[in-house]
């Protein structure tokens, strides 16, 4: 019975990681849109546009990779975790 509680706790932790990183991705997208719009309206500097685009897409790839790994590797294999190993 204790293993079921540990598995449920681990599953909750994984889901919290996913939700936290999705929220961070949405916030970074909003910041990205603000940077791009300010740049286009005020500065018209291509280096800022290229750098902010590169940073956002790199972060998006990181978040999607993390979510994929948690869903496909960790959550699917949560039943095979042995909590009794000492």
PDB file of N, CA and C in Angstrom:
ATOM      1  N   UNK A   1       0.823  -1.199   0.000  1.00  0.00           N
ATOM      2  CA  UNK A   1       0.000   0.000   0.000  1.00  0.00           C
ATOM      3  C   UNK A   1       0.865   1.260   0.000  1.00  0.00           C
ATOM      4  N   UNK A   2       1.989   1.168   0.683  1.00  0.00           N
ATOM      5  CA  UNK A   2       2.888   2.306   0.755  1.00  0.00           C
ATOM      6  C   UNK A   2       3.483   2.636  -0.615  1.00  0.00           C
ATOM      7  N   UNK A   3       3.702   1.596  -1.428  1.00  0.00           N
ATOM      8  CA  UNK A   3       4.242   1.820  -2.776  1.00  0.00           C
ATOM      9  C   UNK A   3       3.252   2.575  -3.653  1.00  0.00           C
ATOM     10  N   UNK A   4       1.958   2.323  -3.465  1.00  0.00           N
ATOM     11  CA  UNK A   4       0.941   3.035  -4.244  1.00  0.00           C
ATOM     12  C   UNK A   4       0.945   4.519  -3.892  1.00  0.00           C
ATOM     13  N   UNK A   5       1.141   4.820  -2.621  1.00  0.00           N
ATOM     14  CA  UNK A   5       1.216   6.219  -2.210  1.00  0.00           C
ATOM     15  C   UNK A   5       2.453   6.894  -2.789  1.00  0.00           C
ATOM     16  N   UNK A   6       3.569   6.189  -2.796  1.00  0.00           N
ATOM     17  CA  UNK A   6       4.803   6.742  -3.366  1.00  0.00           C
ATOM     18  C   UNK A   6       4.663   6.949  -4.866  1.00  0.00           C
ATOM     19  N   UNK A   7       4.015   5.993  -5.550  1.00  0.00           N
ATOM     20  CA  UNK A   7       3.791   6.152  -6.996  1.00  0.00           C
ATOM     21  C   UNK A   7       2.876   7.331  -7.281  1.00  0.00           C
ATOM     22  N   UNK A   8       1.821   7.479  -6.482  1.00  0.00           N
ATOM     23  CA  UNK A   8       0.904   8.604  -6.667  1.00  0.00           C
ATOM     24  C   UNK A   8       1.618   9.926  -6.405  1.00  0.00           C
ATOM     25  N   UNK A   9       2.485   9.947  -5.392  1.00  0.00           N
ATOM     26  CA  UNK A   9       3.257  11.159  -5.103  1.00  0.00           C
ATOM     27  C   UNK A   9       4.217  11.484  -6.241  1.00  0.00           C
ATOM     28  N   UNK A  10       4.861  10.452  -6.789  1.00  0.00           N
ATOM     29  CA  UNK A  10       5.775  10.647  -7.909  1.00  0.00           C
ATOM     30  C   UNK A  10       5.028  11.117  -9.150  1.00  0.00           C
ATOM     31  N   UNK A  11       3.866  10.553  -9.400  1.00  0.00           N
ATOM     32  CA  UNK A  11       3.056  10.975 -10.540  1.00  0.00           C
ATOM     33  C   UNK A  11       2.605  12.422 -10.377  1.00  0.00           C
ATOM     34  N   UNK A  12       2.242  12.798  -9.166  1.00  0.00           N
ATOM     35  CA  UNK A  12       1.853  14.186  -8.910  1.00  0.00           C
ATOM     36  C   UNK A  12       3.029  15.131  -9.128  1.00  0.00           C
ATOM     37  N   UNK A  13       4.223  14.708  -8.721  1.00  0.00           N
ATOM     38  CA  UNK A  13       5.415  15.529  -8.918  1.00  0.00           C
ATOM     39  C   UNK A  13       5.701  15.720 -10.406  1.00  0.00           C
ATOM     40  N   UNK A  14       5.592  14.646 -11.190  1.00  0.00           N
ATOM     41  CA  UNK A  14       5.800  14.749 -12.638  1.00  0.00           C
ATOM     42  C   UNK A  14       4.791  15.696 -13.275  1.00  0.00           C
ATOM     43  N   UNK A  15       3.533  15.567 -12.889  1.00  0.00           N
ATOM     44  CA  UNK A  15       2.502  16.444 -13.448  1.00  0.00           C
ATOM     45  C   UNK A  15       2.725  17.890 -13.036  1.00  0.00           C
ATOM     46  N   UNK A  16       3.218  18.116 -11.825  1.00  0.00           N
ATOM     47  CA  UNK A  16       3.544  19.485 -11.398  1.00  0.00           C
ATOM     48  C   UNK A  16       4.683  20.062 -12.230  1.00  0.00           C
ATOM     49  N   UNK A  17       5.693  19.240 -12.549  1.00  0.00           N
ATOM     50  CA  UNK A  17       6.787  19.696 -13.412  1.00  0.00           C
ATOM     51  C   UNK A  17       6.250  20.124 -14.769  1.00  0.00           C
ATOM     52  N   UNK A  18       5.367  19.307 -15.325  1.00  0.00           N
ATOM     53  CA  UNK A  18       4.800  19.619 -16.637  1.00  0.00           C
ATOM     54  C   UNK A  18       4.022  20.932 -16.582  1.00  0.00           C
ATOM     55  N   UNK A  19       3.165  21.075 -15.586  1.00  0.00           N
ATOM     56  CA  UNK A  19       2.357  22.298 -15.478  1.00  0.00           C
ATOM     57  C   UNK A  19       3.225  23.526 -15.254  1.00  0.00           C
ATOM     58  N   UNK A  20       4.255  23.408 -14.401  1.00  0.00           N
ATOM     59  CA  UNK A  20       5.138  24.541 -14.133  1.00  0.00           C
ATOM     60  C   UNK A  20       5.872  24.966 -15.398  1.00  0.00           C
ATOM     61  N   UNK A  21       6.343  24.016 -16.174  1.00  0.00           N
ATOM     62  CA  UNK A  21       7.078  24.358 -17.389  1.00  0.00           C
ATOM     63  C   UNK A  21       6.163  24.881 -18.491  1.00  0.00           C
ATOM     64  N   UNK A  22       4.915  24.424 -18.534  1.00  0.00           N
ATOM     65  CA  UNK A  22       3.961  24.994 -19.493  1.00  0.00           C
ATOM     66  C   UNK A  22       3.674  26.447 -19.155  1.00  0.00           C
ATOM     67  N   UNK A  23       3.531  26.743 -17.865  1.00  0.00           N
ATOM     68  CA  UNK A  23       3.304  28.133 -17.446  1.00  0.00           C
ATOM     69  C   UNK A  23       4.508  29.002 -17.794  1.00  0.00           C
ATOM     70  N   UNK A  24       5.702  28.489 -17.566  1.00  0.00           N
ATOM     71  CA  UNK A  24       6.909  29.248 -17.919  1.00  0.00           C
ATOM     72  C   UNK A  24       6.985  29.486 -19.421  1.00  0.00           C
ATOM     73  N   UNK A  25       6.577  28.500 -20.211  1.00  0.00           N
ATOM     74  CA  UNK A  25       6.590  28.653 -21.666  1.00  0.00           C
ATOM     75  C   UNK A  25       5.609  29.732 -22.110  1.00  0.00           C
ATOM     76  N   UNK A  26       4.441  29.770 -21.502  1.00  0.00           N
ATOM     77  CA  UNK A  26       3.456  30.799 -21.847  1.00  0.00           C
ATOM     78  C   UNK A  26       3.975  32.179 -21.467  1.00  0.00           C
ATOM     79  N   UNK A  27       4.583  32.287 -20.291  1.00  0.00           N
ATOM     80  CA  UNK A  27       5.155  33.572 -19.868  1.00  0.00           C
ATOM     81  C   UNK A  27       6.284  33.994 -20.797  1.00  0.00           C
ATOM     82  N   UNK A  28       7.142  33.055 -21.177  1.00  0.00           N
ATOM     83  CA  UNK A  28       8.236  33.420 -22.083  1.00  0.00           C
ATOM     84  C   UNK A  28       7.702  33.805 -23.460  1.00  0.00           C
ATOM     85  N   UNK A  29       6.612  33.187 -23.903  1.00  0.00           N
ATOM     86  CA  UNK A  29       6.014  33.575 -25.176  1.00  0.00           C
ATOM     87  C   UNK A  29       5.468  34.997 -25.106  1.00  0.00           C
ATOM     88  N   UNK A  30       4.839  35.342 -23.997  1.00  0.00           N
ATOM     89  CA  UNK A  30       4.320  36.710 -23.830  1.00  0.00           C
ATOM     90  C   UNK A  30       5.467  37.713 -23.835  1.00  0.00           C
ATOM     91  N   UNK A  31       6.549  37.391 -23.129  1.00  0.00           N
ATOM     92  CA  UNK A  31       7.719  38.275 -23.126  1.00  0.00           C
ATOM     93  C   UNK A  31       8.313  38.376 -24.525  1.00  0.00           C
ATOM     94  N   UNK A  32       8.368  37.261 -25.237  1.00  0.00           N
ATOM     95  CA  UNK A  32       8.881  37.256 -26.604  1.00  0.00           C
ATOM     96  C   UNK A  32       8.052  38.169 -27.510  1.00  0.00           C
ATOM     97  N   UNK A  33       6.727  38.084 -27.406  1.00  0.00           N
ATOM     98  CA  UNK A  33       5.856  38.922 -28.226  1.00  0.00           C
ATOM     99  C   UNK A  33       6.050  40.398 -27.873  1.00  0.00           C
ATOM    100  N   UNK A  34       6.205  40.705 -26.602  1.00  0.00           N
ATOM    101  CA  UNK A  34       6.438  42.092 -26.185  1.00  0.00           C
ATOM    102  C   UNK A  34       7.761  42.603 -26.746  1.00  0.00           C
ATOM    103  N   UNK A  35       8.814  41.792 -26.659  1.00  0.00           N
ATOM    104  CA  UNK A  35      10.122  42.211 -27.186  1.00  0.00           C
ATOM    105  C   UNK A  35      10.045  42.444 -28.690  1.00  0.00           C
ATOM    106  N   UNK A  36       9.414  41.528 -29.410  1.00  0.00           N
ATOM    107  CA  UNK A  36       9.305  41.669 -30.865  1.00  0.00           C
ATOM    108  C   UNK A  36       8.485  42.903 -31.229  1.00  0.00           C
ATOM    109  N   UNK A  37       7.368  43.109 -30.539  1.00  0.00           N
ATOM    110  CA  UNK A  37       6.531  44.264 -30.891  1.00  0.00           C
ATOM    111  C   UNK A  37       7.225  45.588 -30.554  1.00  0.00           C
ATOM    112  N   UNK A  38       7.889  45.667 -29.412  1.00  0.00           N
ATOM    113  CA  UNK A  38       8.634  46.893 -29.082  1.00  0.00           C
ATOM    114  C   UNK A  38       9.769  47.130 -30.069  1.00  0.00           C
ATOM    115  N   UNK A  39      10.419  46.065 -30.460  1.00  0.00           N
ATOM    116  CA  UNK A  39      11.506  46.195 -31.417  1.00  0.00           C
ATOM    117  C   UNK A  39      10.993  46.684 -32.767  1.00  0.00           C
ATOM    118  N   UNK A  40       9.900  46.133 -33.218  1.00  0.00           N
ATOM    119  CA  UNK A  40       9.364  46.542 -34.517  1.00  0.00           C
ATOM    120  C   UNK A  40       8.816  47.968 -34.490  1.00  0.00           C
ATOM    121  N   UNK A  41       8.235  48.354 -33.373  1.00  0.00           N
ATOM    122  CA  UNK A  41       7.647  49.697 -33.288  1.00  0.00           C
ATOM    123  C   UNK A  41       8.677  50.785 -33.011  1.00  0.00           C
ATOM    124  N   UNK A  42       9.646  50.495 -32.157  1.00  0.00           N
ATOM    125  CA  UNK A  42      10.554  51.553 -31.707  1.00  0.00           C
ATOM    126  C   UNK A  42      11.973  51.437 -32.269  1.00  0.00           C
ATOM    127  N   UNK A  43      12.578  50.285 -32.127  1.00  0.00           N
ATOM    128  CA  UNK A  43      14.011  50.178 -32.422  1.00  0.00           C
ATOM    129  C   UNK A  43      14.324  49.776 -33.861  1.00  0.00           C
ATOM    130  N   UNK A  44      13.552  48.866 -34.381  1.00  0.00           N
ATOM    131  CA  UNK A  44      13.783  48.329 -35.736  1.00  0.00           C
ATOM    132  C   UNK A  44      15.208  47.787 -35.893  1.00  0.00           C
ATOM    133  N   UNK A  45      15.608  46.987 -34.889  1.00  0.00           N
ATOM    134  CA  UNK A  45      16.935  46.391 -34.881  1.00  0.00           C
ATOM    135  C   UNK A  45      16.799  44.888 -35.146  1.00  0.00           C
ATOM    136  N   UNK A  46      17.392  44.415 -36.236  1.00  0.00           N
ATOM    137  CA  UNK A  46      17.274  43.004 -36.605  1.00  0.00           C
ATOM    138  C   UNK A  46      18.011  42.079 -35.650  1.00  0.00           C
ATOM    139  N   UNK A  47      19.075  42.556 -35.011  1.00  0.00           N
ATOM    140  CA  UNK A  47      19.823  41.702 -34.088  1.00  0.00           C
ATOM    141  C   UNK A  47      18.986  41.310 -32.874  1.00  0.00           C
ATOM    142  N   UNK A  48      18.184  42.243 -32.387  1.00  0.00           N
ATOM    143  CA  UNK A  48      17.309  41.946 -31.252  1.00  0.00           C
ATOM    144  C   UNK A  48      16.251  40.928 -31.657  1.00  0.00           C
ATOM    145  N   UNK A  49      15.695  41.080 -32.842  1.00  0.00           N
ATOM    146  CA  UNK A  49      14.683  40.153 -33.331  1.00  0.00           C
ATOM    147  C   UNK A  49      15.260  38.752 -33.477  1.00  0.00           C
ATOM    148  N   UNK A  50      16.419  38.650 -34.071  1.00  0.00           N
ATOM    149  CA  UNK A  50      17.051  37.354 -34.280  1.00  0.00           C
ATOM    150  C   UNK A  50      17.426  36.711 -32.946  1.00  0.00           C
ATOM    151  N   UNK A  51      18.001  37.472 -32.036  1.00  0.00           N
ATOM    152  CA  UNK A  51      18.414  36.930 -30.748  1.00  0.00           C
ATOM    153  C   UNK A  51      17.216  36.492 -29.917  1.00  0.00           C
ATOM    154  N   UNK A  52      16.182  37.306 -29.853  1.00  0.00           N
ATOM    155  CA  UNK A  52      15.006  36.930 -29.061  1.00  0.00           C
ATOM    156  C   UNK A  52      14.299  35.725 -29.671  1.00  0.00           C
ATOM    157  N   UNK A  53      14.256  35.638 -30.991  1.00  0.00           N
ATOM    158  CA  UNK A  53      13.657  34.479 -31.641  1.00  0.00           C
ATOM    159  C   UNK A  53      14.453  33.223 -31.343  1.00  0.00           C
ATOM    160  N   UNK A  54      15.755  33.321 -31.423  1.00  0.00           N
ATOM    161  CA  UNK A  54      16.611  32.175 -31.129  1.00  0.00           C
ATOM    162  C   UNK A  54      16.450  31.715 -29.683  1.00  0.00           C
ATOM    163  N   UNK A  55      16.430  32.653 -28.757  1.00  0.00           N
ATOM    164  CA  UNK A  55      16.264  32.293 -27.346  1.00  0.00           C
ATOM    165  C   UNK A  55      14.899  31.664 -27.082  1.00  0.00           C
ATOM    166  N   UNK A  56      13.854  32.228 -27.648  1.00  0.00           N
ATOM    167  CA  UNK A  56      12.523  31.675 -27.417  1.00  0.00           C
ATOM    168  C   UNK A  56      12.399  30.275 -27.990  1.00  0.00           C
ATOM    169  N   UNK A  57      12.838  30.073 -29.219  1.00  0.00           N
ATOM    170  CA  UNK A  57      12.692  28.758 -29.828  1.00  0.00           C
ATOM    171  C   UNK A  57      13.578  27.718 -29.151  1.00  0.00           C
ATOM    172  N   UNK A  58      14.737  28.113 -28.663  1.00  0.00           N
ATOM    173  CA  UNK A  58      15.575  27.194 -27.899  1.00  0.00           C
ATOM    174  C   UNK A  58      14.873  26.787 -26.616  1.00  0.00           C
ATOM    175  N   UNK A  59      14.275  27.755 -25.928  1.00  0.00           N
ATOM    176  CA  UNK A  59      13.548  27.435 -24.705  1.00  0.00           C
ATOM    177  C   UNK A  59      12.318  26.585 -24.997  1.00  0.00           C
ATOM    178  N   UNK A  60      11.628  26.854 -26.095  1.00  0.00           N
ATOM    179  CA  UNK A  60      10.457  26.055 -26.458  1.00  0.00           C
ATOM    180  C   UNK A  60      10.850  24.611 -26.742  1.00  0.00           C
ATOM    181  N   UNK A  61      11.960  24.407 -27.432  1.00  0.00           N
ATOM    182  CA  UNK A  61      12.440  23.052 -27.701  1.00  0.00           C
ATOM    183  C   UNK A  61      12.784  22.346 -26.392  1.00  0.00           C
ATOM    184  N   UNK A  62      13.408  23.068 -25.474  1.00  0.00           N
ATOM    185  CA  UNK A  62      13.739  22.494 -24.164  1.00  0.00           C
ATOM    186  C   UNK A  62      12.471  22.067 -23.428  1.00  0.00           C
ATOM    187  N   UNK A  63      11.462  22.927 -23.381  1.00  0.00           N
ATOM    188  CA  UNK A  63      10.240  22.611 -22.641  1.00  0.00           C
ATOM    189  C   UNK A  63       9.501  21.441 -23.288  1.00  0.00           C
ATOM    190  N   UNK A  64       9.372  21.456 -24.605  1.00  0.00           N
ATOM    191  CA  UNK A  64       8.676  20.355 -25.270  1.00  0.00           C
ATOM    192  C   UNK A  64       9.442  19.042 -25.114  1.00  0.00           C
ATOM    193  N   UNK A  65      10.763  19.086 -25.117  1.00  0.00           N
ATOM    194  CA  UNK A  65      11.554  17.879 -24.894  1.00  0.00           C
ATOM    195  C   UNK A  65      11.360  17.358 -23.476  1.00  0.00           C
ATOM    196  N   UNK A  66      11.333  18.264 -22.513  1.00  0.00           N
ATOM    197  CA  UNK A  66      11.122  17.870 -21.124  1.00  0.00           C
ATOM    198  C   UNK A  66       9.745  17.253 -20.938  1.00  0.00           C
ATOM    199  N   UNK A  67       8.723  17.862 -21.505  1.00  0.00           N
ATOM    200  CA  UNK A  67       7.364  17.323 -21.388  1.00  0.00           C
ATOM    201  C   UNK A  67       7.267  15.968 -22.079  1.00  0.00           C
ATOM    202  N   UNK A  68       7.876  15.824 -23.251  1.00  0.00           N
ATOM    203  CA  UNK A  68       7.861  14.542 -23.947  1.00  0.00           C
ATOM    204  C   UNK A  68       8.558  13.471 -23.114  1.00  0.00           C
ATOM    205  N   UNK A  69       9.716  13.805 -22.549  1.00  0.00           N
ATOM    206  CA  UNK A  69      10.457  12.834 -21.751  1.00  0.00           C
ATOM    207  C   UNK A  69       9.660  12.414 -20.517  1.00  0.00           C
ATOM    208  N   UNK A  70       9.045  13.362 -19.838  1.00  0.00           N
ATOM    209  CA  UNK A  70       8.267  13.026 -18.643  1.00  0.00           C
ATOM    210  C   UNK A  70       7.077  12.151 -19.013  1.00  0.00           C
ATOM    211  N   UNK A  71       6.374  12.499 -20.075  1.00  0.00           N
ATOM    212  CA  UNK A  71       5.203  11.710 -20.468  1.00  0.00           C
ATOM    213  C   UNK A  71       5.573  10.328 -20.983  1.00  0.00           C
ATOM    214  N   UNK A  72       6.576  10.250 -21.843  1.00  0.00           N
ATOM    215  CA  UNK A  72       6.866   8.980 -22.522  1.00  0.00           C
ATOM    216  C   UNK A  72       7.851   8.082 -21.789  1.00  0.00           C
ATOM    217  N   UNK A  73       8.692   8.617 -20.973  1.00  0.00           N
ATOM    218  CA  UNK A  73       9.676   7.781 -20.298  1.00  0.00           C
ATOM    219  C   UNK A  73       9.388   7.604 -18.812  1.00  0.00           C
ATOM    220  N   UNK A  74       8.996   8.660 -18.138  1.00  0.00           N
ATOM    221  CA  UNK A  74       8.835   8.567 -16.695  1.00  0.00           C
ATOM    222  C   UNK A  74       7.438   8.108 -16.291  1.00  0.00           C
ATOM    223  N   UNK A  75       6.400   8.759 -16.820  1.00  0.00           N
ATOM    224  CA  UNK A  75       5.044   8.416 -16.405  1.00  0.00           C
ATOM    225  C   UNK A  75       4.638   7.034 -16.919  1.00  0.00           C
ATOM    226  N   UNK A  76       5.032   6.681 -18.126  1.00  0.00           N
ATOM    227  CA  UNK A  76       4.671   5.360 -18.647  1.00  0.00           C
ATOM    228  C   UNK A  76       5.363   4.237 -17.888  1.00  0.00           C
ATOM    229  N   UNK A  77       6.519   4.502 -17.323  1.00  0.00           N
ATOM    230  CA  UNK A  77       7.274   3.471 -16.605  1.00  0.00           C
ATOM    231  C   UNK A  77       7.154   3.593 -15.098  1.00  0.00           C
ATOM    232  N   UNK A  78       6.180   4.328 -14.624  1.00  0.00           N
ATOM    233  CA  UNK A  78       6.063   4.553 -13.187  1.00  0.00           C
ATOM    234  C   UNK A  78       5.666   3.276 -12.449  1.00  0.00           C
ATOM    235  N   UNK A  79       4.983   2.359 -13.124  1.00  0.00           N
ATOM    236  CA  UNK A  79       4.586   1.114 -12.469  1.00  0.00           C
ATOM    237  C   UNK A  79       5.752   0.167 -12.269  1.00  0.00           C
ATOM    238  N   UNK A  80       6.825   0.337 -13.023  1.00  0.00           N
ATOM    239  CA  UNK A  80       7.986  -0.547 -12.888  1.00  0.00           C
ATOM    240  C   UNK A  80       9.006  -0.039 -11.885  1.00  0.00           C
ATOM    241  N   UNK A  81       8.727   1.080 -11.228  1.00  0.00           N
ATOM    242  CA  UNK A  81       9.651   1.624 -10.230  1.00  0.00           C
ATOM    243  C   UNK A  81       9.557   0.791  -8.965  1.00  0.00           C
ATOM    244  N   UNK A  82      10.714   0.365  -8.451  1.00  0.00           N
ATOM    245  CA  UNK A  82      10.761  -0.419  -7.225  1.00  0.00           C
ATOM    246  C   UNK A  82      11.208   0.482  -6.090  1.00  0.00           C
ATOM    247  N   UNK A  83      10.312   0.754  -5.167  1.00  0.00           N
ATOM    248  CA  UNK A  83      10.622   1.645  -4.049  1.00  0.00           C
ATOM    249  C   UNK A  83      11.239   0.911  -2.866  1.00  0.00           C
ATOM    250  N   UNK A  84      11.319  -0.399  -2.936  1.00  0.00           N
ATOM    251  CA  UNK A  84      11.836  -1.185  -1.808  1.00  0.00           C
ATOM    252  C   UNK A  84      13.332  -1.451  -1.882  1.00  0.00           C
ATOM    253  N   UNK A  85      14.016  -0.951  -2.895  1.00  0.00           N
ATOM    254  CA  UNK A  85      15.444  -1.194  -3.053  1.00  0.00           C
ATOM    255  C   UNK A  85      16.200  -0.433  -1.976  1.00  0.00           C
ATOM    256  N   UNK A  86      17.139  -1.139  -1.331  1.00  0.00           N
ATOM    257  CA  UNK A  86      17.907  -0.511  -0.265  1.00  0.00           C
ATOM    258  C   UNK A  86      19.379  -0.634  -0.523  1.00  0.00           C
TER     259      UNK A  86
END
